PDB file of N, CA and C in Angstrom:
ATOM      1  N   MET A   1      -3.800 -22.213  26.895  1.00  0.00           N
ATOM      2  CA  MET A   1      -2.925 -23.356  25.997  1.00  0.00           C
ATOM      3  C   MET A   1      -2.827 -22.685  24.595  1.00  0.00           C
ATOM      4  N   ALA A   2      -1.709 -22.676  24.006  1.00  0.00           N
ATOM      5  CA  ALA A   2      -1.065 -22.423  23.048  1.00  0.00           C
ATOM      6  C   ALA A   2      -2.027 -22.992  21.473  1.00  0.00           C
ATOM      7  N   VAL A   3      -2.046 -22.176  20.287  1.00  0.00           N
ATOM      8  CA  VAL A   3      -3.218 -22.767  19.402  1.00  0.00           C
ATOM      9  C   VAL A   3      -1.733 -22.316  17.649  1.00  0.00           C
ATOM     10  N   GLU A   4      -1.645 -22.923  17.234  1.00  0.00           N
ATOM     11  CA  GLU A   4      -0.760 -23.089  15.981  1.00  0.00           C
ATOM     12  C   GLU A   4      -1.819 -22.706  14.838  1.00  0.00           C
ATOM     13  N   VAL A   5      -1.289 -22.000  14.122  1.00  0.00           N
ATOM     14  CA  VAL A   5      -2.055 -21.237  13.225  1.00  0.00           C
ATOM     15  C   VAL A   5      -0.835 -22.074  11.667  1.00  0.00           C
ATOM     16  N   GLU A   6      -1.601 -22.729  11.093  1.00  0.00           N
ATOM     17  CA  GLU A   6      -0.806 -23.632   9.929  1.00  0.00           C
ATOM     18  C   GLU A   6      -0.976 -23.334   8.658  1.00  0.00           C
ATOM     19  N   ALA A   7      -0.584 -23.264   8.032  1.00  0.00           N
ATOM     20  CA  ALA A   7      -0.737 -22.732   6.129  1.00  0.00           C
ATOM     21  C   ALA A   7      -1.685 -23.864   5.791  1.00  0.00           C
ATOM     22  N   PRO A   8      -2.729 -23.414   5.056  1.00  0.00           N
ATOM     23  CA  PRO A   8      -3.934 -23.965   4.744  1.00  0.00           C
ATOM     24  C   PRO A   8      -3.100 -24.576   2.996  1.00  0.00           C
ATOM     25  N   MET A   9      -2.415 -24.362   2.620  1.00  0.00           N
ATOM     26  CA  MET A   9      -2.234 -24.468   1.180  1.00  0.00           C
ATOM     27  C   MET A   9      -0.715 -24.011   0.933  1.00  0.00           C
ATOM     28  N   VAL A  10       0.068 -24.475   0.013  1.00  0.00           N
ATOM     29  CA  VAL A  10       1.794 -23.956  -0.158  1.00  0.00           C
ATOM     30  C   VAL A  10       1.541 -22.516  -0.739  1.00  0.00           C
ATOM     31  N   GLY A  11       2.248 -21.657  -0.539  1.00  0.00           N
ATOM     32  CA  GLY A  11       1.972 -20.089  -1.103  1.00  0.00           C
ATOM     33  C   GLY A  11       3.332 -19.607  -0.504  1.00  0.00           C
ATOM     34  N   LYS A  12       3.307 -18.462  -0.848  1.00  0.00           N
ATOM     35  CA  LYS A  12       4.455 -17.439  -0.490  1.00  0.00           C
ATOM     36  C   LYS A  12       3.594 -16.104   0.503  1.00  0.00           C
ATOM     37  N   ILE A  13       3.941 -16.213   1.786  1.00  0.00           N
ATOM     38  CA  ILE A  13       3.625 -14.799   2.551  1.00  0.00           C
ATOM     39  C   ILE A  13       3.695 -13.653   1.846  1.00  0.00           C
ATOM     40  N   PHE A  14       2.695 -13.324   1.648  1.00  0.00           N
ATOM     41  CA  PHE A  14       2.316 -11.633   1.319  1.00  0.00           C
ATOM     42  C   PHE A  14       1.876 -10.676   2.068  1.00  0.00           C
ATOM     43  N   GLU A  15       1.634 -10.819   3.297  1.00  0.00           N
ATOM     44  CA  GLU A  15       1.570 -10.097   4.338  1.00  0.00           C
ATOM     45  C   GLU A  15       1.139 -10.573   5.678  1.00  0.00           C
ATOM     46  N   ILE A  16       1.800  -9.537   6.618  1.00  0.00           N
ATOM     47  CA  ILE A  16       1.603 -10.199   7.934  1.00  0.00           C
ATOM     48  C   ILE A  16       0.926  -9.297   8.603  1.00  0.00           C
ATOM     49  N   ALA A  17      -0.421  -9.279   9.182  1.00  0.00           N
ATOM     50  CA  ALA A  17      -0.766  -8.403   9.563  1.00  0.00           C
ATOM     51  C   ALA A  17      -1.087  -7.652  11.161  1.00  0.00           C
ATOM     52  N   VAL A  18      -0.275  -8.805  11.591  1.00  0.00           N
ATOM     53  CA  VAL A  18      -0.256  -8.725  13.477  1.00  0.00           C
ATOM     54  C   VAL A  18       1.309  -8.920  13.311  1.00  0.00           C
ATOM     55  N   GLU A  19       1.480  -8.323  14.896  1.00  0.00           N
ATOM     56  CA  GLU A  19       2.560  -8.264  15.510  1.00  0.00           C
ATOM     57  C   GLU A  19       2.841  -8.979  16.495  1.00  0.00           C
ATOM     58  N   VAL A  20       3.968  -9.678  17.745  1.00  0.00           N
ATOM     59  CA  VAL A  20       4.014 -10.348  18.194  1.00  0.00           C
ATOM     60  C   VAL A  20       3.510  -9.422  19.849  1.00  0.00           C
ATOM     61  N   GLY A  21       2.602 -10.300  20.598  1.00  0.00           N
ATOM     62  CA  GLY A  21       2.338  -9.495  21.695  1.00  0.00           C
ATOM     63  C   GLY A  21       0.953  -9.079  21.022  1.00  0.00           C
ATOM     64  N   ALA A  22       0.355  -8.820  20.050  1.00  0.00           N
ATOM     65  CA  ALA A  22      -1.091  -8.062  20.078  1.00  0.00           C
ATOM     66  C   ALA A  22      -2.080  -8.912  19.917  1.00  0.00           C
ATOM     67  N   LYS A  23      -2.927  -8.454  20.533  1.00  0.00           N
ATOM     68  CA  LYS A  23      -4.455  -9.075  20.840  1.00  0.00           C
ATOM     69  C   LYS A  23      -5.187  -9.575  19.619  1.00  0.00           C
ATOM     70  N   VAL A  24      -5.432 -10.621  19.704  1.00  0.00           N
ATOM     71  CA  VAL A  24      -6.558 -11.125  18.335  1.00  0.00           C
ATOM     72  C   VAL A  24      -8.053 -11.736  18.657  1.00  0.00           C
ATOM     73  N   GLU A  25      -8.561 -11.527  18.163  1.00  0.00           N
ATOM     74  CA  GLU A  25     -10.169 -12.110  18.195  1.00  0.00           C
ATOM     75  C   GLU A  25     -10.173 -13.524  17.538  1.00  0.00           C
ATOM     76  N   GLU A  26     -11.077 -14.140  17.791  1.00  0.00           N
ATOM     77  CA  GLU A  26     -11.124 -15.339  16.690  1.00  0.00           C
ATOM     78  C   GLU A  26     -11.499 -14.675  15.476  1.00  0.00           C
ATOM     79  N   ASP A  27     -10.840 -15.533  13.968  1.00  0.00           N
ATOM     80  CA  ASP A  27     -11.624 -15.206  12.641  1.00  0.00           C
ATOM     81  C   ASP A  27     -11.160 -13.680  12.450  1.00  0.00           C
ATOM     82  N   ASP A  28     -10.314 -12.670  13.097  1.00  0.00           N
ATOM     83  CA  ASP A  28      -9.590 -11.819  12.831  1.00  0.00           C
ATOM     84  C   ASP A  28      -8.117 -11.987  11.602  1.00  0.00           C
ATOM     85  N   GLU A  29      -7.921 -11.120  10.548  1.00  0.00           N
ATOM     86  CA  GLU A  29      -7.143 -11.523   9.353  1.00  0.00           C
ATOM     87  C   GLU A  29      -5.540 -11.407  10.198  1.00  0.00           C
ATOM     88  N   ILE A  30      -5.148 -12.640   9.913  1.00  0.00           N
ATOM     89  CA  ILE A  30      -3.593 -12.204  10.479  1.00  0.00           C
ATOM     90  C   ILE A  30      -2.632 -12.018   9.968  1.00  0.00           C
ATOM     91  N   ILE A  31      -2.628 -13.180   8.742  1.00  0.00           N
ATOM     92  CA  ILE A  31      -1.855 -13.023   7.557  1.00  0.00           C
ATOM     93  C   ILE A  31      -2.418 -13.284   6.426  1.00  0.00           C
ATOM     94  N   VAL A  32      -1.832 -13.098   5.003  1.00  0.00           N
ATOM     95  CA  VAL A  32      -2.317 -12.917   3.697  1.00  0.00           C
ATOM     96  C   VAL A  32      -1.117 -14.068   2.990  1.00  0.00           C
ATOM     97  N   LEU A  33      -1.832 -14.818   2.491  1.00  0.00           N
ATOM     98  CA  LEU A  33      -0.847 -15.813   1.837  1.00  0.00           C
ATOM     99  C   LEU A  33      -1.144 -16.155   0.445  1.00  0.00           C
ATOM    100  N   GLU A  34      -0.074 -15.907  -0.143  1.00  0.00           N
ATOM    101  CA  GLU A  34      -0.220 -15.901  -1.987  1.00  0.00           C
ATOM    102  C   GLU A  34      -0.241 -17.070  -2.677  1.00  0.00           C
ATOM    103  N   SER A  35      -1.601 -17.546  -3.072  1.00  0.00           N
ATOM    104  CA  SER A  35      -1.419 -19.188  -4.029  1.00  0.00           C
ATOM    105  C   SER A  35      -2.256 -18.848  -5.489  1.00  0.00           C
ATOM    106  N   MET A  36      -1.443 -19.810  -6.046  1.00  0.00           N
ATOM    107  CA  MET A  36      -2.070 -19.542  -7.461  1.00  0.00           C
ATOM    108  C   MET A  36      -2.471 -17.976  -7.957  1.00  0.00           C
ATOM    109  N   LYS A  37      -1.844 -17.057  -7.704  1.00  0.00           N
ATOM    110  CA  LYS A  37      -2.122 -15.661  -7.821  1.00  0.00           C
ATOM    111  C   LYS A  37      -3.600 -15.161  -7.236  1.00  0.00           C
ATOM    112  N   MET A  38      -3.927 -15.414  -6.124  1.00  0.00           N
ATOM    113  CA  MET A  38      -4.842 -15.393  -5.652  1.00  0.00           C
ATOM    114  C   MET A  38      -4.183 -14.591  -4.210  1.00  0.00           C
ATOM    115  N   GLU A  39      -4.523 -13.906  -3.278  1.00  0.00           N
ATOM    116  CA  GLU A  39      -4.380 -13.582  -1.802  1.00  0.00           C
ATOM    117  C   GLU A  39      -5.775 -14.508  -1.424  1.00  0.00           C
ATOM    118  N   ASN A  40      -4.882 -15.035  -0.288  1.00  0.00           N
ATOM    119  CA  ASN A  40      -5.858 -16.113   0.998  1.00  0.00           C
ATOM    120  C   ASN A  40      -5.537 -15.358   2.169  1.00  0.00           C
ATOM    121  N   PRO A  41      -6.576 -15.017   2.804  1.00  0.00           N
ATOM    122  CA  PRO A  41      -6.482 -14.169   4.529  1.00  0.00           C
ATOM    123  C   PRO A  41      -6.648 -15.700   5.015  1.00  0.00           C
ATOM    124  N   ILE A  42      -5.001 -15.815   5.602  1.00  0.00           N
ATOM    125  CA  ILE A  42      -5.473 -16.556   7.138  1.00  0.00           C
ATOM    126  C   ILE A  42      -6.225 -16.097   8.647  1.00  0.00           C
ATOM    127  N   PHE A  43      -6.932 -16.596   9.101  1.00  0.00           N
ATOM    128  CA  PHE A  43      -7.938 -16.039  10.246  1.00  0.00           C
ATOM    129  C   PHE A  43      -7.079 -16.725  11.619  1.00  0.00           C
ATOM    130  N   ALA A  44      -7.076 -15.955  12.711  1.00  0.00           N
ATOM    131  CA  ALA A  44      -6.981 -16.299  13.657  1.00  0.00           C
ATOM    132  C   ALA A  44      -8.017 -17.733  14.034  1.00  0.00           C
ATOM    133  N   PRO A  45      -7.525 -18.960  14.676  1.00  0.00           N
ATOM    134  CA  PRO A  45      -8.453 -19.729  15.020  1.00  0.00           C
ATOM    135  C   PRO A  45      -9.100 -19.884  16.289  1.00  0.00           C
ATOM    136  N   ALA A  46      -8.641 -18.559  16.910  1.00  0.00           N
ATOM    137  CA  ALA A  46      -8.765 -18.513  18.546  1.00  0.00           C
ATOM    138  C   ALA A  46      -8.451 -17.292  19.081  1.00  0.00           C
ATOM    139  N   SER A  47      -9.089 -16.826  19.995  1.00  0.00           N
ATOM    140  CA  SER A  47      -8.550 -15.379  20.344  1.00  0.00           C
ATOM    141  C   SER A  47      -7.570 -15.568  21.595  1.00  0.00           C
ATOM    142  N   GLY A  48      -6.966 -14.662  21.398  1.00  0.00           N
ATOM    143  CA  GLY A  48      -5.555 -14.572  22.837  1.00  0.00           C
ATOM    144  C   GLY A  48      -4.747 -13.637  21.883  1.00  0.00           C
ATOM    145  N   THR A  49      -3.555 -13.860  22.548  1.00  0.00           N
ATOM    146  CA  THR A  49      -2.098 -12.717  22.144  1.00  0.00           C
ATOM    147  C   THR A  49      -1.276 -13.580  20.802  1.00  0.00           C
ATOM    148  N   VAL A  50      -1.148 -12.976  20.100  1.00  0.00           N
ATOM    149  CA  VAL A  50       0.269 -13.715  19.278  1.00  0.00           C
ATOM    150  C   VAL A  50       1.603 -13.519  20.176  1.00  0.00           C
ATOM    151  N   LYS A  51       2.078 -15.074  20.529  1.00  0.00           N
ATOM    152  CA  LYS A  51       3.169 -15.035  21.211  1.00  0.00           C
ATOM    153  C   LYS A  51       4.302 -15.492  19.786  1.00  0.00           C
ATOM    154  N   GLU A  52       4.032 -15.783  18.796  1.00  0.00           N
ATOM    155  CA  GLU A  52       5.072 -15.829  18.216  1.00  0.00           C
ATOM    156  C   GLU A  52       4.900 -16.148  16.996  1.00  0.00           C
ATOM    157  N   ILE A  53       5.521 -15.293  15.802  1.00  0.00           N
ATOM    158  CA  ILE A  53       5.368 -15.111  14.318  1.00  0.00           C
ATOM    159  C   ILE A  53       6.814 -16.201  13.789  1.00  0.00           C
ATOM    160  N   LYS A  54       6.328 -17.179  12.849  1.00  0.00           N
ATOM    161  CA  LYS A  54       7.351 -18.038  12.501  1.00  0.00           C
ATOM    162  C   LYS A  54       7.721 -17.536  10.994  1.00  0.00           C
ATOM    163  N   CYS A  55       7.243 -16.882  10.589  1.00  0.00           N
ATOM    164  CA  CYS A  55       6.992 -16.488   9.295  1.00  0.00           C
ATOM    165  C   CYS A  55       7.680 -15.165   8.590  1.00  0.00           C
ATOM    166  N   LYS A  56       8.078 -14.923   7.754  1.00  0.00           N
ATOM    167  CA  LYS A  56       8.120 -13.631   7.290  1.00  0.00           C
ATOM    168  C   LYS A  56       7.731 -12.916   5.651  1.00  0.00           C
ATOM    169  N   VAL A  57       7.545 -12.074   5.219  1.00  0.00           N
ATOM    170  CA  VAL A  57       7.126 -11.476   4.576  1.00  0.00           C
ATOM    171  C   VAL A  57       7.890 -12.186   3.370  1.00  0.00           C
ATOM    172  N   GLY A  58       7.354 -13.040   1.989  1.00  0.00           N
ATOM    173  CA  GLY A  58       8.247 -13.402   1.058  1.00  0.00           C
ATOM    174  C   GLY A  58       8.468 -14.756   1.455  1.00  0.00           C
ATOM    175  N   ASP A  59       8.403 -15.694   2.411  1.00  0.00           N
ATOM    176  CA  ASP A  59       8.479 -16.933   2.761  1.00  0.00           C
ATOM    177  C   ASP A  59       7.879 -18.028   1.549  1.00  0.00           C
ATOM    178  N   VAL A  60       8.361 -19.053   1.323  1.00  0.00           N
ATOM    179  CA  VAL A  60       7.422 -19.741   0.439  1.00  0.00           C
ATOM    180  C   VAL A  60       6.868 -20.703   1.544  1.00  0.00           C
ATOM    181  N   VAL A  61       5.898 -21.481   2.100  1.00  0.00           N
ATOM    182  CA  VAL A  61       5.698 -22.663   2.934  1.00  0.00           C
ATOM    183  C   VAL A  61       4.860 -23.817   2.308  1.00  0.00           C
ATOM    184  N   ASN A  62       4.697 -24.535   2.916  1.00  0.00           N
ATOM    185  CA  ASN A  62       4.051 -25.967   2.633  1.00  0.00           C
ATOM    186  C   ASN A  62       2.886 -25.894   3.414  1.00  0.00           C
ATOM    187  N   GLN A  63       1.938 -26.623   3.145  1.00  0.00           N
ATOM    188  CA  GLN A  63       0.521 -27.166   3.607  1.00  0.00           C
ATOM    189  C   GLN A  63       0.909 -27.695   5.146  1.00  0.00           C
ATOM    190  N   GLY A  64       0.266 -27.121   6.025  1.00  0.00           N
ATOM    191  CA  GLY A  64       0.631 -27.498   7.215  1.00  0.00           C
ATOM    192  C   GLY A  64       1.748 -26.976   8.182  1.00  0.00           C
ATOM    193  N   ASP A  65       2.614 -26.124   7.636  1.00  0.00           N
ATOM    194  CA  ASP A  65       3.702 -25.443   7.847  1.00  0.00           C
ATOM    195  C   ASP A  65       2.929 -24.277   9.027  1.00  0.00           C
ATOM    196  N   VAL A  66       3.498 -24.232  10.736  1.00  0.00           N
ATOM    197  CA  VAL A  66       3.273 -23.246  11.406  1.00  0.00           C
ATOM    198  C   VAL A  66       3.517 -22.250  11.269  1.00  0.00           C
ATOM    199  N   LEU A  67       2.936 -21.194  11.086  1.00  0.00           N
ATOM    200  CA  LEU A  67       3.042 -19.387  10.873  1.00  0.00           C
ATOM    201  C   LEU A  67       3.004 -18.572  12.010  1.00  0.00           C
ATOM    202  N   ALA A  68       2.064 -19.034  12.761  1.00  0.00           N
ATOM    203  CA  ALA A  68       2.080 -18.292  13.927  1.00  0.00           C
ATOM    204  C   ALA A  68       1.525 -19.154  15.098  1.00  0.00           C
ATOM    205  N   ILE A  69       1.740 -18.862  16.259  1.00  0.00           N
ATOM    206  CA  ILE A  69       1.417 -19.255  17.702  1.00  0.00           C
ATOM    207  C   ILE A  69       0.557 -18.179  18.571  1.00  0.00           C
ATOM    208  N   ILE A  70      -0.527 -18.376  18.727  1.00  0.00           N
ATOM    209  CA  ILE A  70      -1.406 -17.386  19.782  1.00  0.00           C
ATOM    210  C   ILE A  70      -1.698 -18.271  20.480  1.00  0.00           C
ATOM    211  N   GLU A  71      -1.297 -17.218  22.326  1.00  0.00           N
ATOM    212  CA  GLU A  71      -2.227 -18.099  23.339  1.00  0.00           C
ATOM    213  C   GLU A  71      -2.725 -17.541  24.177  1.00  0.00           C
TER     214      GLU A  71
END
């Protein structure tokens, strides 16, 4: 079952710590979102394989935007 990783707030993608095909465990840091001059880590909500990354470094995202898909 696919799990969507959503942006918890408006911000800019600062870093992407995984690649498509990477195995991740629940609570692994996968993306860093810069918001209000702070770096906010976004963690994997479930264990699995990164199926798709829907953002790139420098993208501005809104709360609720899908950033990645884990299967």
